[in-house]
Amino acid sequence: MKTNHCKKCGKEIVADKKICENCRKKRNEKWNKVGTGVITLAGTALLGVVTKNKIK
């Protein structure tokens, strides 16, 4: 069985993959946190606009 090394951590992996499962999981968790932050900011901005229009 051929093996490669992970581009991020250097761990030995199967030849047809470029990033090991551990690094892929960390990358996905990072992007989930970024996405959650963006959605929170957008929701806060929308709430602020709706509240401002109700006060007038």
Protein backbone atom coordinates (compact mmCIF):
# COMPACT_ATOMS: atom_id res chain seq x y z
CA MET A 1 0.00 0.00 0.00
CA LYS A 2 1.43 3.37 -1.00
CA THR A 3 1.52 6.18 1.52
CA ASN A 4 2.05 9.94 1.47
CA HIS A 5 2.66 12.44 4.22
CA CYS A 6 0.07 14.98 5.38
CA LYS A 7 0.88 18.49 4.09
CA LYS A 8 -0.02 20.04 7.46
CA CYS A 9 1.42 17.77 10.13
CA GLY A 10 3.63 15.31 8.23
CA LYS A 11 1.75 12.25 9.48
CA GLU A 12 1.81 9.22 7.17
CA ILE A 13 -1.49 8.77 5.30
CA VAL A 14 -2.97 6.75 2.42
CA ALA A 15 -1.61 7.78 -1.00
CA ASP A 16 -4.85 9.16 -2.45
CA LYS A 17 -5.35 11.77 0.30
CA LYS A 18 -3.46 15.03 0.85
CA ILE A 19 -4.56 15.94 4.40
CA CYS A 20 -5.00 13.49 7.28
CA GLU A 21 -8.35 13.11 9.02
CA ASN A 22 -7.09 14.91 12.14
CA CYS A 23 -6.04 18.05 10.22
CA ARG A 24 -9.22 17.98 8.14
CA LYS A 25 -11.33 17.84 11.32
CA LYS A 26 -9.45 20.81 12.83
CA ARG A 27 -9.89 22.80 9.60
CA ASN A 28 -13.64 22.08 9.51
CA GLU A 29 -14.04 23.08 13.18
CA LYS A 30 -12.25 26.37 12.46
CA TRP A 31 -14.54 27.18 9.54
CA ASN A 32 -17.62 26.25 11.61
CA LYS A 33 -16.54 28.81 14.24
CA VAL A 34 -16.00 31.47 11.57
CA GLY A 35 -19.40 30.74 10.01
CA THR A 36 -21.13 30.92 13.38
CA GLY A 37 -19.49 34.28 14.09
CA VAL A 38 -20.57 35.71 10.74
CA ILE A 39 -24.16 34.55 11.23
CA THR A 40 -24.21 36.05 14.73
CA LEU A 41 -22.97 39.41 13.47
CA ALA A 42 -25.50 39.44 10.63
CA GLY A 43 -28.33 38.55 13.04
CA THR A 44 -27.28 41.28 15.46
CA ALA A 45 -27.15 43.86 12.66
CA LEU A 46 -30.58 42.80 11.40
CA LEU A 47 -32.04 42.97 14.90
CA GLY A 48 -30.56 46.46 15.32
CA VAL A 49 -32.13 47.67 12.06
CA VAL A 50 -35.55 46.22 12.91
CA THR A 51 -35.46 47.69 16.43
CA LYS A 52 -34.38 51.09 15.14
CA ASN A 53 -37.29 51.15 12.67
CA LYS A 54 -39.80 50.26 15.42
CA ILE A 55 -38.62 53.09 17.67
CA LYS A 56 -39.34 55.77 15.04
